[in-house]
Amino acid sequence: CRRADTRISLTAKEQSVLEYLMRNAGKVVTKREI
């Protein structure tokens, strides 16, 4: 995970949550869906 050229360290579960949110960008995602 990176923000511009900066590497960001995420745990495996944090990555999974962020991935799901990014795959659904522009759509409101509920806690239940996550």
PDB file of all heavy atoms in Angstrom:
ATOM      1  N   CYS A   1       0.850  -1.176   0.000  1.00  0.00           N
ATOM      2  CA  CYS A   1       0.000   0.000   0.000  1.00  0.00           C
ATOM      3  C   CYS A   1       0.889   1.230   0.000  1.00  0.00           C
ATOM      4  O   CYS A   1       1.882   1.290   0.743  1.00  0.00           O
ATOM      5  CB  CYS A   1      -0.916  -0.006   1.234  1.00  0.00           C
ATOM      6  SG  CYS A   1      -2.013   1.420   1.361  1.00  0.00           S
ATOM      7  N   ARG A   2       0.542   2.219  -0.841  1.00  0.00           N
ATOM      8  CA  ARG A   2       1.357   3.430  -0.919  1.00  0.00           C
ATOM      9  C   ARG A   2       0.456   4.655  -1.043  1.00  0.00           C
ATOM     10  O   ARG A   2      -0.623   4.595  -1.639  1.00  0.00           O
ATOM     11  CB  ARG A   2       2.297   3.394  -2.140  1.00  0.00           C
ATOM     12  CG  ARG A   2       3.366   2.323  -2.073  1.00  0.00           C
ATOM     13  CD  ARG A   2       4.255   2.372  -3.316  1.00  0.00           C
ATOM     14  NE  ARG A   2       5.250   1.306  -3.307  1.00  0.00           N
ATOM     15  CZ  ARG A   2       6.415   1.372  -2.684  1.00  0.00           C
ATOM     16  NH1 ARG A   2       6.750   2.492  -2.051  1.00  0.00           N
ATOM     17  NH2 ARG A   2       7.258   0.364  -2.713  1.00  0.00           N
ATOM     18  N   ARG A   3       0.931   5.744  -0.484  1.00  0.00           N
ATOM     19  CA  ARG A   3       0.338   7.055  -0.730  1.00  0.00           C
ATOM     20  C   ARG A   3       1.420   7.852  -1.446  1.00  0.00           C
ATOM     21  O   ARG A   3       2.440   8.194  -0.854  1.00  0.00           O
ATOM     22  CB  ARG A   3      -0.063   7.711   0.583  1.00  0.00           C
ATOM     23  CG  ARG A   3      -0.547   9.128   0.473  1.00  0.00           C
ATOM     24  CD  ARG A   3      -1.929   9.220  -0.180  1.00  0.00           C
ATOM     25  NE  ARG A   3      -3.019   8.943   0.743  1.00  0.00           N
ATOM     26  CZ  ARG A   3      -4.295   9.077   0.420  1.00  0.00           C
ATOM     27  NH1 ARG A   3      -4.629   9.464  -0.821  1.00  0.00           N
ATOM     28  NH2 ARG A   3      -5.253   8.791   1.278  1.00  0.00           N
ATOM     29  N   ALA A   4       1.222   8.051  -2.748  1.00  0.00           N
ATOM     30  CA  ALA A   4       2.273   8.617  -3.612  1.00  0.00           C
ATOM     31  C   ALA A   4       3.504   7.707  -3.520  1.00  0.00           C
ATOM     32  O   ALA A   4       3.403   6.517  -3.818  1.00  0.00           O
ATOM     33  CB  ALA A   4       2.584  10.054  -3.230  1.00  0.00           C
ATOM     34  N   ASP A   5       4.647   8.219  -3.058  1.00  0.00           N
ATOM     35  CA  ASP A   5       5.861   7.403  -2.985  1.00  0.00           C
ATOM     36  C   ASP A   5       6.107   6.830  -1.592  1.00  0.00           C
ATOM     37  O   ASP A   5       7.143   6.191  -1.356  1.00  0.00           O
ATOM     38  CB  ASP A   5       7.082   8.241  -3.396  1.00  0.00           C
ATOM     39  CG  ASP A   5       7.019   8.670  -4.852  1.00  0.00           C
ATOM     40  OD1 ASP A   5       6.473   7.894  -5.658  1.00  0.00           O
ATOM     41  OD2 ASP A   5       7.500   9.771  -5.171  1.00  0.00           O
ATOM     42  N   THR A   6       5.169   7.032  -0.682  1.00  0.00           N
ATOM     43  CA  THR A   6       5.352   6.584   0.699  1.00  0.00           C
ATOM     44  C   THR A   6       4.710   5.225   0.929  1.00  0.00           C
ATOM     45  O   THR A   6       3.512   5.048   0.668  1.00  0.00           O
ATOM     46  CB  THR A   6       4.747   7.594   1.691  1.00  0.00           C
ATOM     47  OG1 THR A   6       5.340   8.877   1.485  1.00  0.00           O
ATOM     48  CG2 THR A   6       4.992   7.152   3.130  1.00  0.00           C
ATOM     49  N   ARG A   7       5.502   4.273   1.372  1.00  0.00           N
ATOM     50  CA  ARG A   7       5.006   2.937   1.671  1.00  0.00           C
ATOM     51  C   ARG A   7       4.250   2.956   3.001  1.00  0.00           C
ATOM     52  O   ARG A   7       4.710   3.538   3.980  1.00  0.00           O
ATOM     53  CB  ARG A   7       6.180   1.949   1.741  1.00  0.00           C
ATOM     54  CG  ARG A   7       5.804   0.514   2.119  1.00  0.00           C
ATOM     55  CD  ARG A   7       5.228  -0.230   0.935  1.00  0.00           C
ATOM     56  NE  ARG A   7       4.991  -1.628   1.264  1.00  0.00           N
ATOM     57  CZ  ARG A   7       5.831  -2.619   1.013  1.00  0.00           C
ATOM     58  NH1 ARG A   7       7.004  -2.354   0.438  1.00  0.00           N
ATOM     59  NH2 ARG A   7       5.542  -3.876   1.321  1.00  0.00           N
ATOM     60  N   ILE A   8       3.073   2.337   3.049  1.00  0.00           N
ATOM     61  CA  ILE A   8       2.238   2.292   4.246  1.00  0.00           C
ATOM     62  C   ILE A   8       2.120   0.848   4.702  1.00  0.00           C
ATOM     63  O   ILE A   8       1.771  -0.045   3.907  1.00  0.00           O
ATOM     64  CB  ILE A   8       0.842   2.875   3.967  1.00  0.00           C
ATOM     65  CG1 ILE A   8       0.959   4.335   3.528  1.00  0.00           C
ATOM     66  CG2 ILE A   8      -0.049   2.761   5.197  1.00  0.00           C
ATOM     67  CD1 ILE A   8      -0.343   4.925   3.021  1.00  0.00           C
ATOM     68  N   SER A   9       2.391   0.619   5.965  1.00  0.00           N
ATOM     69  CA  SER A   9       2.314  -0.731   6.524  1.00  0.00           C
ATOM     70  C   SER A   9       0.919  -1.000   7.076  1.00  0.00           C
ATOM     71  O   SER A   9       0.430  -0.286   7.957  1.00  0.00           O
ATOM     72  CB  SER A   9       3.358  -0.897   7.640  1.00  0.00           C
ATOM     73  OG  SER A   9       3.254  -2.183   8.222  1.00  0.00           O
ATOM     74  N   LEU A  10       0.256  -2.032   6.546  1.00  0.00           N
ATOM     75  CA  LEU A  10      -1.071  -2.436   7.003  1.00  0.00           C
ATOM     76  C   LEU A  10      -1.029  -3.874   7.487  1.00  0.00           C
ATOM     77  O   LEU A  10      -0.286  -4.694   6.946  1.00  0.00           O
ATOM     78  CB  LEU A  10      -2.092  -2.336   5.861  1.00  0.00           C
ATOM     79  CG  LEU A  10      -2.343  -0.965   5.230  1.00  0.00           C
ATOM     80  CD1 LEU A  10      -3.275  -1.119   4.036  1.00  0.00           C
ATOM     81  CD2 LEU A  10      -2.933   0.003   6.242  1.00  0.00           C
ATOM     82  N   THR A  11      -1.845  -4.188   8.495  1.00  0.00           N
ATOM     83  CA  THR A  11      -2.016  -5.586   8.882  1.00  0.00           C
ATOM     84  C   THR A  11      -2.833  -6.284   7.800  1.00  0.00           C
ATOM     85  O   THR A  11      -3.460  -5.634   6.951  1.00  0.00           O
ATOM     86  CB  THR A  11      -2.730  -5.715  10.232  1.00  0.00           C
ATOM     87  OG1 THR A  11      -4.095  -5.275  10.080  1.00  0.00           O
ATOM     88  CG2 THR A  11      -2.045  -4.888  11.312  1.00  0.00           C
ATOM     89  N   ALA A  12      -2.852  -7.615   7.831  1.00  0.00           N
ATOM     90  CA  ALA A  12      -3.589  -8.375   6.820  1.00  0.00           C
ATOM     91  C   ALA A  12      -5.069  -8.008   6.832  1.00  0.00           C
ATOM     92  O   ALA A  12      -5.694  -7.836   5.781  1.00  0.00           O
ATOM     93  CB  ALA A  12      -3.411  -9.876   7.060  1.00  0.00           C
ATOM     94  N   LYS A  13      -5.664  -7.857   8.016  1.00  0.00           N
ATOM     95  CA  LYS A  13      -7.091  -7.538   8.095  1.00  0.00           C
ATOM     96  C   LYS A  13      -7.351  -6.094   7.676  1.00  0.00           C
ATOM     97  O   LYS A  13      -8.367  -5.813   7.023  1.00  0.00           O
ATOM     98  CB  LYS A  13      -7.596  -7.785   9.511  1.00  0.00           C
ATOM     99  CG  LYS A  13      -9.118  -7.796   9.611  1.00  0.00           C
ATOM    100  CD  LYS A  13      -9.745  -8.895   8.757  1.00  0.00           C
ATOM    101  CE  LYS A  13      -9.499 -10.275   9.340  1.00  0.00           C
ATOM    102  NZ  LYS A  13     -10.124 -11.344   8.525  1.00  0.00           N
ATOM    103  N   GLU A  14      -6.468  -5.188   8.033  1.00  0.00           N
ATOM    104  CA  GLU A  14      -6.616  -3.796   7.578  1.00  0.00           C
ATOM    105  C   GLU A  14      -6.574  -3.732   6.056  1.00  0.00           C
ATOM    106  O   GLU A  14      -7.353  -3.005   5.436  1.00  0.00           O
ATOM    107  CB  GLU A  14      -5.511  -2.928   8.169  1.00  0.00           C
ATOM    108  CG  GLU A  14      -5.660  -2.638   9.651  1.00  0.00           C
ATOM    109  CD  GLU A  14      -4.420  -2.010  10.272  1.00  0.00           C
ATOM    110  OE1 GLU A  14      -3.381  -1.926   9.574  1.00  0.00           O
ATOM    111  OE2 GLU A  14      -4.488  -1.624  11.445  1.00  0.00           O
ATOM    112  N   GLN A  15      -5.675  -4.500   5.461  1.00  0.00           N
ATOM    113  CA  GLN A  15      -5.597  -4.528   4.002  1.00  0.00           C
ATOM    114  C   GLN A  15      -6.893  -5.046   3.398  1.00  0.00           C
ATOM    115  O   GLN A  15      -7.386  -4.506   2.405  1.00  0.00           O
ATOM    116  CB  GLN A  15      -4.436  -5.405   3.539  1.00  0.00           C
ATOM    117  CG  GLN A  15      -4.324  -5.500   2.017  1.00  0.00           C
ATOM    118  CD  GLN A  15      -3.313  -6.527   1.561  1.00  0.00           C
ATOM    119  OE1 GLN A  15      -2.281  -6.682   2.184  1.00  0.00           O
ATOM    120  NE2 GLN A  15      -3.630  -7.217   0.474  1.00  0.00           N
ATOM    121  N   SER A  16      -7.471  -6.084   4.011  1.00  0.00           N
ATOM    122  CA  SER A  16      -8.715  -6.652   3.493  1.00  0.00           C
ATOM    123  C   SER A  16      -9.853  -5.648   3.556  1.00  0.00           C
ATOM    124  O   SER A  16     -10.661  -5.546   2.624  1.00  0.00           O
ATOM    125  CB  SER A  16      -9.085  -7.920   4.282  1.00  0.00           C
ATOM    126  OG  SER A  16      -8.126  -8.931   4.095  1.00  0.00           O
ATOM    127  N   VAL A  17      -9.948  -4.920   4.667  1.00  0.00           N
ATOM    128  CA  VAL A  17     -11.000  -3.908   4.800  1.00  0.00           C
ATOM    129  C   VAL A  17     -10.807  -2.798   3.772  1.00  0.00           C
ATOM    130  O   VAL A  17     -11.753  -2.404   3.077  1.00  0.00           O
ATOM    131  CB  VAL A  17     -11.017  -3.324   6.230  1.00  0.00           C
ATOM    132  CG1 VAL A  17     -12.001  -2.157   6.321  1.00  0.00           C
ATOM    133  CG2 VAL A  17     -11.398  -4.401   7.243  1.00  0.00           C
ATOM    134  N   LEU A  18      -9.571  -2.296   3.665  1.00  0.00           N
ATOM    135  CA  LEU A  18      -9.301  -1.227   2.698  1.00  0.00           C
ATOM    136  C   LEU A  18      -9.540  -1.702   1.270  1.00  0.00           C
ATOM    137  O   LEU A  18     -10.099  -0.956   0.445  1.00  0.00           O
ATOM    138  CB  LEU A  18      -7.862  -0.735   2.859  1.00  0.00           C
ATOM    139  CG  LEU A  18      -7.440   0.392   1.905  1.00  0.00           C
ATOM    140  CD1 LEU A  18      -8.321   1.624   2.081  1.00  0.00           C
ATOM    141  CD2 LEU A  18      -5.970   0.748   2.109  1.00  0.00           C
ATOM    142  N   GLU A  19      -9.144  -2.913   0.960  1.00  0.00           N
ATOM    143  CA  GLU A  19      -9.362  -3.444  -0.388  1.00  0.00           C
ATOM    144  C   GLU A  19     -10.849  -3.477  -0.729  1.00  0.00           C
ATOM    145  O   GLU A  19     -11.265  -3.077  -1.825  1.00  0.00           O
ATOM    146  CB  GLU A  19      -8.770  -4.843  -0.513  1.00  0.00           C
ATOM    147  CG  GLU A  19      -8.996  -5.468  -1.882  1.00  0.00           C
ATOM    148  CD  GLU A  19      -8.487  -6.900  -1.985  1.00  0.00           C
ATOM    149  OE1 GLU A  19      -7.763  -7.347  -1.070  1.00  0.00           O
ATOM    150  OE2 GLU A  19      -8.831  -7.566  -2.971  1.00  0.00           O
ATOM    151  N   TYR A  20     -11.669  -3.934   0.231  1.00  0.00           N
ATOM    152  CA  TYR A  20     -13.109  -4.010  -0.033  1.00  0.00           C
ATOM    153  C   TYR A  20     -13.692  -2.614  -0.265  1.00  0.00           C
ATOM    154  O   TYR A  20     -14.508  -2.410  -1.166  1.00  0.00           O
ATOM    155  CB  TYR A  20     -13.816  -4.697   1.131  1.00  0.00           C
ATOM    156  CG  TYR A  20     -15.281  -4.937   0.874  1.00  0.00           C
ATOM    157  CD1 TYR A  20     -15.703  -5.839  -0.102  1.00  0.00           C
ATOM    158  CD2 TYR A  20     -16.255  -4.237   1.584  1.00  0.00           C
ATOM    159  CE1 TYR A  20     -17.052  -6.050  -0.359  1.00  0.00           C
ATOM    160  CE2 TYR A  20     -17.601  -4.440   1.335  1.00  0.00           C
ATOM    161  CZ  TYR A  20     -17.992  -5.345   0.363  1.00  0.00           C
ATOM    162  OH  TYR A  20     -19.334  -5.553   0.113  1.00  0.00           O
ATOM    163  N   LEU A  21     -13.253  -1.645   0.543  1.00  0.00           N
ATOM    164  CA  LEU A  21     -13.730  -0.277   0.369  1.00  0.00           C
ATOM    165  C   LEU A  21     -13.304   0.296  -0.985  1.00  0.00           C
ATOM    166  O   LEU A  21     -14.098   0.936  -1.687  1.00  0.00           O
ATOM    167  CB  LEU A  21     -13.195   0.610   1.491  1.00  0.00           C
ATOM    168  CG  LEU A  21     -13.774   0.372   2.889  1.00  0.00           C
ATOM    169  CD1 LEU A  21     -13.011   1.198   3.917  1.00  0.00           C
ATOM    170  CD2 LEU A  21     -15.254   0.700   2.930  1.00  0.00           C
ATOM    171  N   MET A  22     -12.052   0.042  -1.376  1.00  0.00           N
ATOM    172  CA  MET A  22     -11.555   0.592  -2.631  1.00  0.00           C
ATOM    173  C   MET A  22     -12.214  -0.075  -3.837  1.00  0.00           C
ATOM    174  O   MET A  22     -12.429   0.570  -4.872  1.00  0.00           O
ATOM    175  CB  MET A  22     -10.028   0.461  -2.701  1.00  0.00           C
ATOM    176  CG  MET A  22      -9.300   1.353  -1.699  1.00  0.00           C
ATOM    177  SD  MET A  22      -7.486   1.231  -1.775  1.00  0.00           S
ATOM    178  CE  MET A  22      -7.135   2.068  -3.337  1.00  0.00           C
ATOM    179  N   ARG A  23     -12.510  -1.347  -3.719  1.00  0.00           N
ATOM    180  CA  ARG A  23     -13.199  -2.040  -4.823  1.00  0.00           C
ATOM    181  C   ARG A  23     -14.634  -1.516  -4.983  1.00  0.00           C
ATOM    182  O   ARG A  23     -15.246  -1.697  -6.035  1.00  0.00           O
ATOM    183  CB  ARG A  23     -13.203  -3.542  -4.599  1.00  0.00           C
ATOM    184  CG  ARG A  23     -11.847  -4.206  -4.793  1.00  0.00           C
ATOM    185  CD  ARG A  23     -11.961  -5.708  -4.947  1.00  0.00           C
ATOM    186  NE  ARG A  23     -10.674  -6.365  -5.021  1.00  0.00           N
ATOM    187  CZ  ARG A  23      -9.914  -6.423  -6.117  1.00  0.00           C
ATOM    188  NH1 ARG A  23     -10.332  -5.849  -7.238  1.00  0.00           N
ATOM    189  NH2 ARG A  23      -8.761  -7.052  -6.104  1.00  0.00           N
ATOM    190  N   ASN A  24     -15.156  -0.909  -3.926  1.00  0.00           N
ATOM    191  CA  ASN A  24     -16.515  -0.362  -3.982  1.00  0.00           C
ATOM    192  C   ASN A  24     -16.494   1.166  -3.926  1.00  0.00           C
ATOM    193  O   ASN A  24     -17.415   1.788  -3.406  1.00  0.00           O
ATOM    194  CB  ASN A  24     -17.342  -0.926  -2.821  1.00  0.00           C
ATOM    195  CG  ASN A  24     -17.670  -2.392  -3.010  1.00  0.00           C
ATOM    196  OD1 ASN A  24     -18.618  -2.749  -3.704  1.00  0.00           O
ATOM    197  ND2 ASN A  24     -16.867  -3.254  -2.411  1.00  0.00           N
ATOM    198  N   ALA A  25     -15.422   1.770  -4.447  1.00  0.00           N
ATOM    199  CA  ALA A  25     -15.279   3.223  -4.435  1.00  0.00           C
ATOM    200  C   ALA A  25     -16.483   3.900  -5.087  1.00  0.00           C
ATOM    201  O   ALA A  25     -16.990   3.451  -6.118  1.00  0.00           O
ATOM    202  CB  ALA A  25     -13.999   3.631  -5.164  1.00  0.00           C
ATOM    203  N   GLY A  26     -16.964   4.981  -4.441  1.00  0.00           N
ATOM    204  CA  GLY A  26     -18.120   5.701  -4.956  1.00  0.00           C
ATOM    205  C   GLY A  26     -19.444   5.139  -4.482  1.00  0.00           C
ATOM    206  O   GLY A  26     -20.502   5.709  -4.773  1.00  0.00           O
ATOM    207  N   LYS A  27     -19.400   4.040  -3.735  1.00  0.00           N
ATOM    208  CA  LYS A  27     -20.615   3.400  -3.233  1.00  0.00           C
ATOM    209  C   LYS A  27     -20.546   3.356  -1.707  1.00  0.00           C
ATOM    210  O   LYS A  27     -19.502   3.051  -1.127  1.00  0.00           O
ATOM    211  CB  LYS A  27     -20.713   1.976  -3.792  1.00  0.00           C
ATOM    212  CG  LYS A  27     -21.771   1.112  -3.129  1.00  0.00           C
ATOM    213  CD  LYS A  27     -21.663  -0.327  -3.599  1.00  0.00           C
ATOM    214  CE  LYS A  27     -22.574  -1.244  -2.803  1.00  0.00           C
ATOM    215  NZ  LYS A  27     -22.383  -2.673  -3.172  1.00  0.00           N
ATOM    216  N   VAL A  28     -21.661   3.665  -1.052  1.00  0.00           N
ATOM    217  CA  VAL A  28     -21.711   3.573   0.406  1.00  0.00           C
ATOM    218  C   VAL A  28     -21.729   2.100   0.811  1.00  0.00           C
ATOM    219  O   VAL A  28     -22.577   1.334   0.347  1.00  0.00           O
ATOM    220  CB  VAL A  28     -22.943   4.288   0.974  1.00  0.00           C
ATOM    221  CG1 VAL A  28     -23.008   4.108   2.495  1.00  0.00           C
ATOM    222  CG2 VAL A  28     -22.907   5.772   0.633  1.00  0.00           C
ATOM    223  N   VAL A  29     -20.768   1.710   1.642  1.00  0.00           N
ATOM    224  CA  VAL A  29     -20.642   0.329   2.103  1.00  0.00           C
ATOM    225  C   VAL A  29     -21.019   0.270   3.580  1.00  0.00           C
ATOM    226  O   VAL A  29     -20.485   1.041   4.390  1.00  0.00           O
ATOM    227  CB  VAL A  29     -19.194  -0.188   1.907  1.00  0.00           C
ATOM    228  CG1 VAL A  29     -19.059  -1.595   2.467  1.00  0.00           C
ATOM    229  CG2 VAL A  29     -18.815  -0.164   0.433  1.00  0.00           C
ATOM    230  N   THR A  30     -21.933  -0.603   3.932  1.00  0.00           N
ATOM    231  CA  THR A  30     -22.368  -0.707   5.320  1.00  0.00           C
ATOM    232  C   THR A  30     -21.397  -1.550   6.133  1.00  0.00           C
ATOM    233  O   THR A  30     -20.604  -2.330   5.583  1.00  0.00           O
ATOM    234  CB  THR A  30     -23.762  -1.358   5.416  1.00  0.00           C
ATOM    235  OG1 THR A  30     -23.681  -2.729   4.989  1.00  0.00           O
ATOM    236  CG2 THR A  30     -24.767  -0.613   4.544  1.00  0.00           C
ATOM    237  N   LYS A  31     -21.474  -1.415   7.464  1.00  0.00           N
ATOM    238  CA  LYS A  31     -20.649  -2.235   8.342  1.00  0.00           C
ATOM    239  C   LYS A  31     -20.974  -3.715   8.151  1.00  0.00           C
ATOM    240  O   LYS A  31     -20.083  -4.563   8.194  1.00  0.00           O
ATOM    241  CB  LYS A  31     -20.865  -1.828   9.805  1.00  0.00           C
ATOM    242  CG  LYS A  31     -20.386  -0.429  10.137  1.00  0.00           C
ATOM    243  CD  LYS A  31     -20.709  -0.063  11.580  1.00  0.00           C
ATOM    244  CE  LYS A  31     -20.339   1.380  11.877  1.00  0.00           C
ATOM    245  NZ  LYS A  31     -20.727   1.777  13.250  1.00  0.00           N
ATOM    246  N   ARG A  32     -22.253  -4.016   7.955  1.00  0.00           N
ATOM    247  CA  ARG A  32     -22.662  -5.407   7.743  1.00  0.00           C
ATOM    248  C   ARG A  32     -22.010  -5.990   6.508  1.00  0.00           C
ATOM    249  O   ARG A  32     -21.547  -7.135   6.508  1.00  0.00           O
ATOM    250  CB  ARG A  32     -24.181  -5.480   7.610  1.00  0.00           C
ATOM    251  CG  ARG A  32     -24.768  -6.877   7.401  1.00  0.00           C
ATOM    252  CD  ARG A  32     -24.701  -7.678   8.670  1.00  0.00           C
ATOM    253  NE  ARG A  32     -23.565  -8.595   8.711  1.00  0.00           N
ATOM    254  CZ  ARG A  32     -23.199  -9.254   9.784  1.00  0.00           C
ATOM    255  NH1 ARG A  32     -23.850  -9.094  10.918  1.00  0.00           N
ATOM    256  NH2 ARG A  32     -22.176 -10.069   9.752  1.00  0.00           N
ATOM    257  N   GLU A  33     -21.937  -5.215   5.439  1.00  0.00           N
ATOM    258  CA  GLU A  33     -21.304  -5.692   4.213  1.00  0.00           C
ATOM    259  C   GLU A  33     -19.817  -5.934   4.426  1.00  0.00           C
ATOM    260  O   GLU A  33     -19.262  -6.908   3.905  1.00  0.00           O
ATOM    261  CB  GLU A  33     -21.530  -4.687   3.083  1.00  0.00           C
ATOM    262  CG  GLU A  33     -22.962  -4.635   2.572  1.00  0.00           C
ATOM    263  CD  GLU A  33     -23.195  -3.517   1.590  1.00  0.00           C
ATOM    264  OE1 GLU A  33     -22.575  -2.438   1.733  1.00  0.00           O
ATOM    265  OE2 GLU A  33     -24.016  -3.707   0.663  1.00  0.00           O
ATOM    266  N   ILE A  34     -19.163  -5.052   5.177  1.00  0.00           N
ATOM    267  CA  ILE A  34     -17.734  -5.233   5.455  1.00  0.00           C
ATOM    268  C   ILE A  34     -17.515  -6.497   6.261  1.00  0.00           C
ATOM    269  O   ILE A  34     -16.634  -7.307   5.951  1.00  0.00           O
ATOM    270  CB  ILE A  34     -17.171  -4.006   6.193  1.00  0.00           C
ATOM    271  CG1 ILE A  34     -17.209  -2.773   5.285  1.00  0.00           C
ATOM    272  CG2 ILE A  34     -15.736  -4.274   6.656  1.00  0.00           C
ATOM    273  CD1 ILE A  34     -16.838  -1.480   5.977  1.00  0.00           C
TER     274      ILE A  34
END
